[in-house]
């Protein structure tokens, strides 16, 4: 079973354990029932920014949805280089969760690696909360709320994640950025 299918299975199990229907869950997350059903079936990628809201709704940690593990740290959580919880959700995107062991986090930090996909169209999504992205390597093209921006290494952006947004690597090279998402 691939990672996306595992996450979809955990998502369905968490919803059922919470005693919620697909329609109730979709309504609580301000999604259509069809979109939520696609997430649960693994037919559509779950936006990373939706994870904190899902976790809150189901009374669990977002990292448990991603990894199937439990979070226990209350004071601090160390993640050594390259040892974060890896999530392969969709082609060209690689997510490394940097604090999977922290209990009830106020934010979800990820290192996101995006492989170049020449000619690919933007896949826009939106989610509750805010997002901060800091480009670590490569050049990132970001489309948000109808605007197209280019971020170079060291550049950062903080934005309202309820606005439609999407990213892609530029110049035929991989881009890596730190993403911090709140709910």
C-alpha atoms as a PDB file:
ATOM      1  CA  UNK A   1       0.000   0.000   0.000  1.00  0.00           C
ATOM      2  CA  UNK A   2       1.480   3.413  -0.911  1.00  0.00           C
ATOM      3  CA  UNK A   3       1.773   6.248   1.598  1.00  0.00           C
ATOM      4  CA  UNK A   4      -1.224   8.154   0.235  1.00  0.00           C
ATOM      5  CA  UNK A   5      -3.383   5.021   0.502  1.00  0.00           C
ATOM      6  CA  UNK A   6      -2.200   4.467   4.090  1.00  0.00           C
ATOM      7  CA  UNK A   7      -3.091   8.041   5.024  1.00  0.00           C
ATOM      8  CA  UNK A   8      -6.502   7.648   3.363  1.00  0.00           C
ATOM      9  CA  UNK A   9      -7.115   4.449   5.348  1.00  0.00           C
ATOM     10  CA  UNK A  10      -6.151   6.164   8.628  1.00  0.00           C
ATOM     11  CA  UNK A  11      -8.366   9.120   7.719  1.00  0.00           C
ATOM     12  CA  UNK A  12     -11.384   6.877   7.177  1.00  0.00           C
ATOM     13  CA  UNK A  13     -10.680   5.011  10.428  1.00  0.00           C
ATOM     14  CA  UNK A  14     -10.345   8.252  12.397  1.00  0.00           C
ATOM     15  CA  UNK A  15     -13.630   9.574  11.014  1.00  0.00           C
ATOM     16  CA  UNK A  16     -15.431   6.342  11.820  1.00  0.00           C
ATOM     17  CA  UNK A  17     -13.914   6.259  15.333  1.00  0.00           C
ATOM     18  CA  UNK A  18     -15.151   9.831  15.855  1.00  0.00           C
ATOM     19  CA  UNK A  19     -18.648   8.676  14.868  1.00  0.00           C
ATOM     20  CA  UNK A  20     -18.939  11.153  12.000  1.00  0.00           C
ATOM     21  CA  UNK A  21     -20.404  10.628   8.551  1.00  0.00           C
ATOM     22  CA  UNK A  22     -18.654  11.741   5.369  1.00  0.00           C
ATOM     23  CA  UNK A  23     -21.220  14.554   5.020  1.00  0.00           C
ATOM     24  CA  UNK A  24     -20.753  15.747   8.621  1.00  0.00           C
ATOM     25  CA  UNK A  25     -16.983  15.710   8.249  1.00  0.00           C
ATOM     26  CA  UNK A  26     -17.074  17.565   4.936  1.00  0.00           C
ATOM     27  CA  UNK A  27     -19.412  20.197   6.372  1.00  0.00           C
ATOM     28  CA  UNK A  28     -17.174  20.731   9.430  1.00  0.00           C
ATOM     29  CA  UNK A  29     -14.154  21.198   7.143  1.00  0.00           C
ATOM     30  CA  UNK A  30     -16.063  23.400   4.676  1.00  0.00           C
ATOM     31  CA  UNK A  31     -15.528  20.908   1.849  1.00  0.00           C
ATOM     32  CA  UNK A  32     -17.913  19.219  -0.511  1.00  0.00           C
ATOM     33  CA  UNK A  33     -18.804  15.661   0.436  1.00  0.00           C
ATOM     34  CA  UNK A  34     -17.380  14.487  -2.903  1.00  0.00           C
ATOM     35  CA  UNK A  35     -14.011  16.145  -2.231  1.00  0.00           C
ATOM     36  CA  UNK A  36     -13.772  14.663   1.254  1.00  0.00           C
ATOM     37  CA  UNK A  37     -14.805  11.222  -0.056  1.00  0.00           C
ATOM     38  CA  UNK A  38     -12.003  11.492  -2.644  1.00  0.00           C
ATOM     39  CA  UNK A  39      -9.493  12.175   0.171  1.00  0.00           C
ATOM     40  CA  UNK A  40     -10.690   9.110   2.089  1.00  0.00           C
ATOM     41  CA  UNK A  41     -10.536   6.936  -1.016  1.00  0.00           C
ATOM     42  CA  UNK A  42      -7.023   8.130  -1.877  1.00  0.00           C
ATOM     43  CA  UNK A  43      -8.235   9.520  -5.217  1.00  0.00           C
ATOM     44  CA  UNK A  44      -7.182  13.068  -4.361  1.00  0.00           C
ATOM     45  CA  UNK A  45      -4.211  14.351  -2.365  1.00  0.00           C
ATOM     46  CA  UNK A  46      -5.044  15.763   1.049  1.00  0.00           C
ATOM     47  CA  UNK A  47      -3.671  19.303   1.351  1.00  0.00           C
ATOM     48  CA  UNK A  48      -1.101  19.395   4.155  1.00  0.00           C
ATOM     49  CA  UNK A  49      -2.803  22.480   5.549  1.00  0.00           C
ATOM     50  CA  UNK A  50      -6.013  20.506   6.065  1.00  0.00           C
ATOM     51  CA  UNK A  51      -4.297  18.118   8.498  1.00  0.00           C
ATOM     52  CA  UNK A  52      -4.527  20.320  11.625  1.00  0.00           C
ATOM     53  CA  UNK A  53      -8.277  20.773  11.092  1.00  0.00           C
ATOM     54  CA  UNK A  54      -8.782  17.046  10.501  1.00  0.00           C
ATOM     55  CA  UNK A  55      -6.795  16.225  13.625  1.00  0.00           C
ATOM     56  CA  UNK A  56      -8.775  18.678  15.743  1.00  0.00           C
ATOM     57  CA  UNK A  57     -12.087  17.369  14.387  1.00  0.00           C
ATOM     58  CA  UNK A  58     -11.123  13.755  15.115  1.00  0.00           C
ATOM     59  CA  UNK A  59      -9.450  14.506  18.472  1.00  0.00           C
ATOM     60  CA  UNK A  60      -6.023  13.263  17.450  1.00  0.00           C
ATOM     61  CA  UNK A  61      -2.622  14.482  16.304  1.00  0.00           C
ATOM     62  CA  UNK A  62      -2.007  15.342  12.651  1.00  0.00           C
ATOM     63  CA  UNK A  63       1.181  13.293  12.824  1.00  0.00           C
ATOM     64  CA  UNK A  64      -0.911  10.219  13.717  1.00  0.00           C
ATOM     65  CA  UNK A  65      -2.819  10.642  10.447  1.00  0.00           C
ATOM     66  CA  UNK A  66       0.467  10.898   8.552  1.00  0.00           C
ATOM     67  CA  UNK A  67       2.489   8.194  10.251  1.00  0.00           C
ATOM     68  CA  UNK A  68       0.100   6.057  12.279  1.00  0.00           C
ATOM     69  CA  UNK A  69       2.251   6.742  15.368  1.00  0.00           C
ATOM     70  CA  UNK A  70       1.397   8.540  18.581  1.00  0.00           C
ATOM     71  CA  UNK A  71       2.778  11.883  19.741  1.00  0.00           C
ATOM     72  CA  UNK A  72       3.987  12.102  23.337  1.00  0.00           C
ATOM     73  CA  UNK A  73       6.388  15.057  23.663  1.00  0.00           C
ATOM     74  CA  UNK A  74       5.018  17.958  25.685  1.00  0.00           C
ATOM     75  CA  UNK A  75       8.064  20.204  26.214  1.00  0.00           C
ATOM     76  CA  UNK A  76      10.162  19.709  23.086  1.00  0.00           C
ATOM     77  CA  UNK A  77      10.617  17.404  20.137  1.00  0.00           C
ATOM     78  CA  UNK A  78      13.931  16.968  18.340  1.00  0.00           C
ATOM     79  CA  UNK A  79      14.048  15.689  14.791  1.00  0.00           C
ATOM     80  CA  UNK A  80      17.526  14.925  13.510  1.00  0.00           C
ATOM     81  CA  UNK A  81      18.491  15.844   9.965  1.00  0.00           C
ATOM     82  CA  UNK A  82      16.760  13.567   7.482  1.00  0.00           C
ATOM     83  CA  UNK A  83      14.874  11.692  10.225  1.00  0.00           C
ATOM     84  CA  UNK A  84      11.464  13.383  10.051  1.00  0.00           C
ATOM     85  CA  UNK A  85       8.314  11.442   9.269  1.00  0.00           C
ATOM     86  CA  UNK A  86       8.348  11.136   5.479  1.00  0.00           C
ATOM     87  CA  UNK A  87       5.158  11.547   3.536  1.00  0.00           C
ATOM     88  CA  UNK A  88       5.011  10.849  -0.191  1.00  0.00           C
ATOM     89  CA  UNK A  89       1.613  12.184  -1.142  1.00  0.00           C
ATOM     90  CA  UNK A  90       1.708  12.998  -4.789  1.00  0.00           C
ATOM     91  CA  UNK A  91       4.115  12.794  -7.654  1.00  0.00           C
ATOM     92  CA  UNK A  92       6.864  15.421  -7.473  1.00  0.00           C
ATOM     93  CA  UNK A  93       6.133  16.322  -3.802  1.00  0.00           C
ATOM     94  CA  UNK A  94       8.030  14.905  -0.816  1.00  0.00           C
ATOM     95  CA  UNK A  95       7.117  16.029   2.709  1.00  0.00           C
ATOM     96  CA  UNK A  96       9.213  15.531   5.832  1.00  0.00           C
ATOM     97  CA  UNK A  97       7.278  16.307   9.023  1.00  0.00           C
ATOM     98  CA  UNK A  98       9.716  17.860  11.483  1.00  0.00           C
ATOM     99  CA  UNK A  99       7.786  17.439  14.742  1.00  0.00           C
ATOM    100  CA  UNK A 100       5.772  14.218  14.527  1.00  0.00           C
ATOM    101  CA  UNK A 101       6.330  13.422  18.201  1.00  0.00           C
ATOM    102  CA  UNK A 102       5.000  16.659  19.697  1.00  0.00           C
ATOM    103  CA  UNK A 103       1.636  16.449  21.448  1.00  0.00           C
ATOM    104  CA  UNK A 104      -1.042  18.978  20.376  1.00  0.00           C
ATOM    105  CA  UNK A 105       1.175  21.259  18.272  1.00  0.00           C
ATOM    106  CA  UNK A 106       0.013  24.794  17.431  1.00  0.00           C
ATOM    107  CA  UNK A 107       1.710  24.474  14.042  1.00  0.00           C
ATOM    108  CA  UNK A 108       2.892  21.721  11.707  1.00  0.00           C
ATOM    109  CA  UNK A 109       6.450  22.147  10.312  1.00  0.00           C
ATOM    110  CA  UNK A 110       7.525  20.373   7.116  1.00  0.00           C
ATOM    111  CA  UNK A 111      10.489  20.386   4.776  1.00  0.00           C
ATOM    112  CA  UNK A 112       8.892  20.108   1.358  1.00  0.00           C
ATOM    113  CA  UNK A 113      10.878  18.996  -1.684  1.00  0.00           C
ATOM    114  CA  UNK A 114       9.315  19.626  -5.071  1.00  0.00           C
ATOM    115  CA  UNK A 115      10.774  18.005  -8.172  1.00  0.00           C
ATOM    116  CA  UNK A 116      10.508  19.931 -11.428  1.00  0.00           C
ATOM    117  CA  UNK A 117       7.610  18.976 -13.686  1.00  0.00           C
ATOM    118  CA  UNK A 118       7.994  20.995 -16.886  1.00  0.00           C
ATOM    119  CA  UNK A 119       4.687  22.014 -18.385  1.00  0.00           C
ATOM    120  CA  UNK A 120       2.680  20.969 -15.325  1.00  0.00           C
ATOM    121  CA  UNK A 121      -0.243  23.179 -14.421  1.00  0.00           C
ATOM    122  CA  UNK A 122      -0.699  24.562 -10.932  1.00  0.00           C
ATOM    123  CA  UNK A 123      -2.713  22.399  -8.581  1.00  0.00           C
ATOM    124  CA  UNK A 124      -4.335  24.973  -6.319  1.00  0.00           C
ATOM    125  CA  UNK A 125      -5.662  24.167  -2.879  1.00  0.00           C
ATOM    126  CA  UNK A 126      -6.714  26.044   0.211  1.00  0.00           C
ATOM    127  CA  UNK A 127      -7.052  25.183   3.877  1.00  0.00           C
ATOM    128  CA  UNK A 128      -7.785  26.786   7.217  1.00  0.00           C
ATOM    129  CA  UNK A 129      -5.144  28.827   8.967  1.00  0.00           C
ATOM    130  CA  UNK A 130      -1.971  30.445   7.795  1.00  0.00           C
ATOM    131  CA  UNK A 131       1.209  29.248   6.139  1.00  0.00           C
ATOM    132  CA  UNK A 132       4.824  30.357   6.237  1.00  0.00           C
ATOM    133  CA  UNK A 133       7.254  29.136   3.563  1.00  0.00           C
ATOM    134  CA  UNK A 134      11.031  29.754   3.507  1.00  0.00           C
ATOM    135  CA  UNK A 135      12.927  28.668   0.385  1.00  0.00           C
ATOM    136  CA  UNK A 136      16.037  26.682   1.292  1.00  0.00           C
ATOM    137  CA  UNK A 137      17.262  25.750  -2.196  1.00  0.00           C
ATOM    138  CA  UNK A 138      16.117  26.222  -5.764  1.00  0.00           C
ATOM    139  CA  UNK A 139      13.526  28.665  -7.025  1.00  0.00           C
ATOM    140  CA  UNK A 140       9.854  28.380  -6.137  1.00  0.00           C
ATOM    141  CA  UNK A 141       6.989  29.692  -8.208  1.00  0.00           C
ATOM    142  CA  UNK A 142       3.970  30.349  -6.020  1.00  0.00           C
ATOM    143  CA  UNK A 143       0.520  31.216  -7.210  1.00  0.00           C
ATOM    144  CA  UNK A 144      -1.776  32.667  -4.576  1.00  0.00           C
ATOM    145  CA  UNK A 145      -5.104  34.373  -4.925  1.00  0.00           C
ATOM    146  CA  UNK A 146      -4.533  34.973  -8.639  1.00  0.00           C
ATOM    147  CA  UNK A 147      -0.994  36.364  -8.274  1.00  0.00           C
ATOM    148  CA  UNK A 148       2.189  34.619  -9.398  1.00  0.00           C
ATOM    149  CA  UNK A 149       5.323  35.152  -7.308  1.00  0.00           C
ATOM    150  CA  UNK A 150       8.877  33.824  -7.559  1.00  0.00           C
ATOM    151  CA  UNK A 151      10.862  33.085  -4.408  1.00  0.00           C
ATOM    152  CA  UNK A 152      14.628  32.534  -4.380  1.00  0.00           C
ATOM    153  CA  UNK A 153      16.724  30.850  -1.661  1.00  0.00           C
ATOM    154  CA  UNK A 154      16.366  32.828   1.561  1.00  0.00           C
ATOM    155  CA  UNK A 155      13.063  34.402   0.486  1.00  0.00           C
ATOM    156  CA  UNK A 156       9.976  33.717   2.541  1.00  0.00           C
ATOM    157  CA  UNK A 157       6.259  34.305   2.380  1.00  0.00           C
ATOM    158  CA  UNK A 158       3.539  34.315   5.036  1.00  0.00           C
ATOM    159  CA  UNK A 159      -0.017  34.055   3.775  1.00  0.00           C
ATOM    160  CA  UNK A 160      -3.657  33.383   4.485  1.00  0.00           C
ATOM    161  CA  UNK A 161      -3.959  29.718   3.541  1.00  0.00           C
ATOM    162  CA  UNK A 162      -7.701  29.996   2.955  1.00  0.00           C
ATOM    163  CA  UNK A 163      -6.793  31.673  -0.334  1.00  0.00           C
ATOM    164  CA  UNK A 164      -6.228  29.297  -3.276  1.00  0.00           C
ATOM    165  CA  UNK A 165      -2.500  28.621  -3.632  1.00  0.00           C
ATOM    166  CA  UNK A 166      -0.084  26.273  -5.366  1.00  0.00           C
ATOM    167  CA  UNK A 167       3.641  25.862  -5.880  1.00  0.00           C
ATOM    168  CA  UNK A 168       6.071  24.428  -8.390  1.00  0.00           C
ATOM    169  CA  UNK A 169       9.817  24.211  -8.953  1.00  0.00           C
ATOM    170  CA  UNK A 170      11.407  26.531 -11.500  1.00  0.00           C
ATOM    171  CA  UNK A 171      14.402  26.298 -13.824  1.00  0.00           C
ATOM    172  CA  UNK A 172      14.221  22.504 -14.165  1.00  0.00           C
ATOM    173  CA  UNK A 173      15.735  22.021 -10.696  1.00  0.00           C
ATOM    174  CA  UNK A 174      14.365  20.700  -7.423  1.00  0.00           C
ATOM    175  CA  UNK A 175      13.199  23.224  -4.852  1.00  0.00           C
ATOM    176  CA  UNK A 176      13.252  22.642  -1.106  1.00  0.00           C
ATOM    177  CA  UNK A 177      11.423  24.839   1.385  1.00  0.00           C
ATOM    178  CA  UNK A 178      10.425  24.947   5.024  1.00  0.00           C
ATOM    179  CA  UNK A 179       6.634  25.115   5.378  1.00  0.00           C
ATOM    180  CA  UNK A 180       4.939  25.893   8.678  1.00  0.00           C
ATOM    181  CA  UNK A 181       1.173  25.473   8.685  1.00  0.00           C
ATOM    182  CA  UNK A 182      -1.321  26.530  11.355  1.00  0.00           C
ATOM    183  CA  UNK A 183      -4.973  25.651  11.676  1.00  0.00           C
END
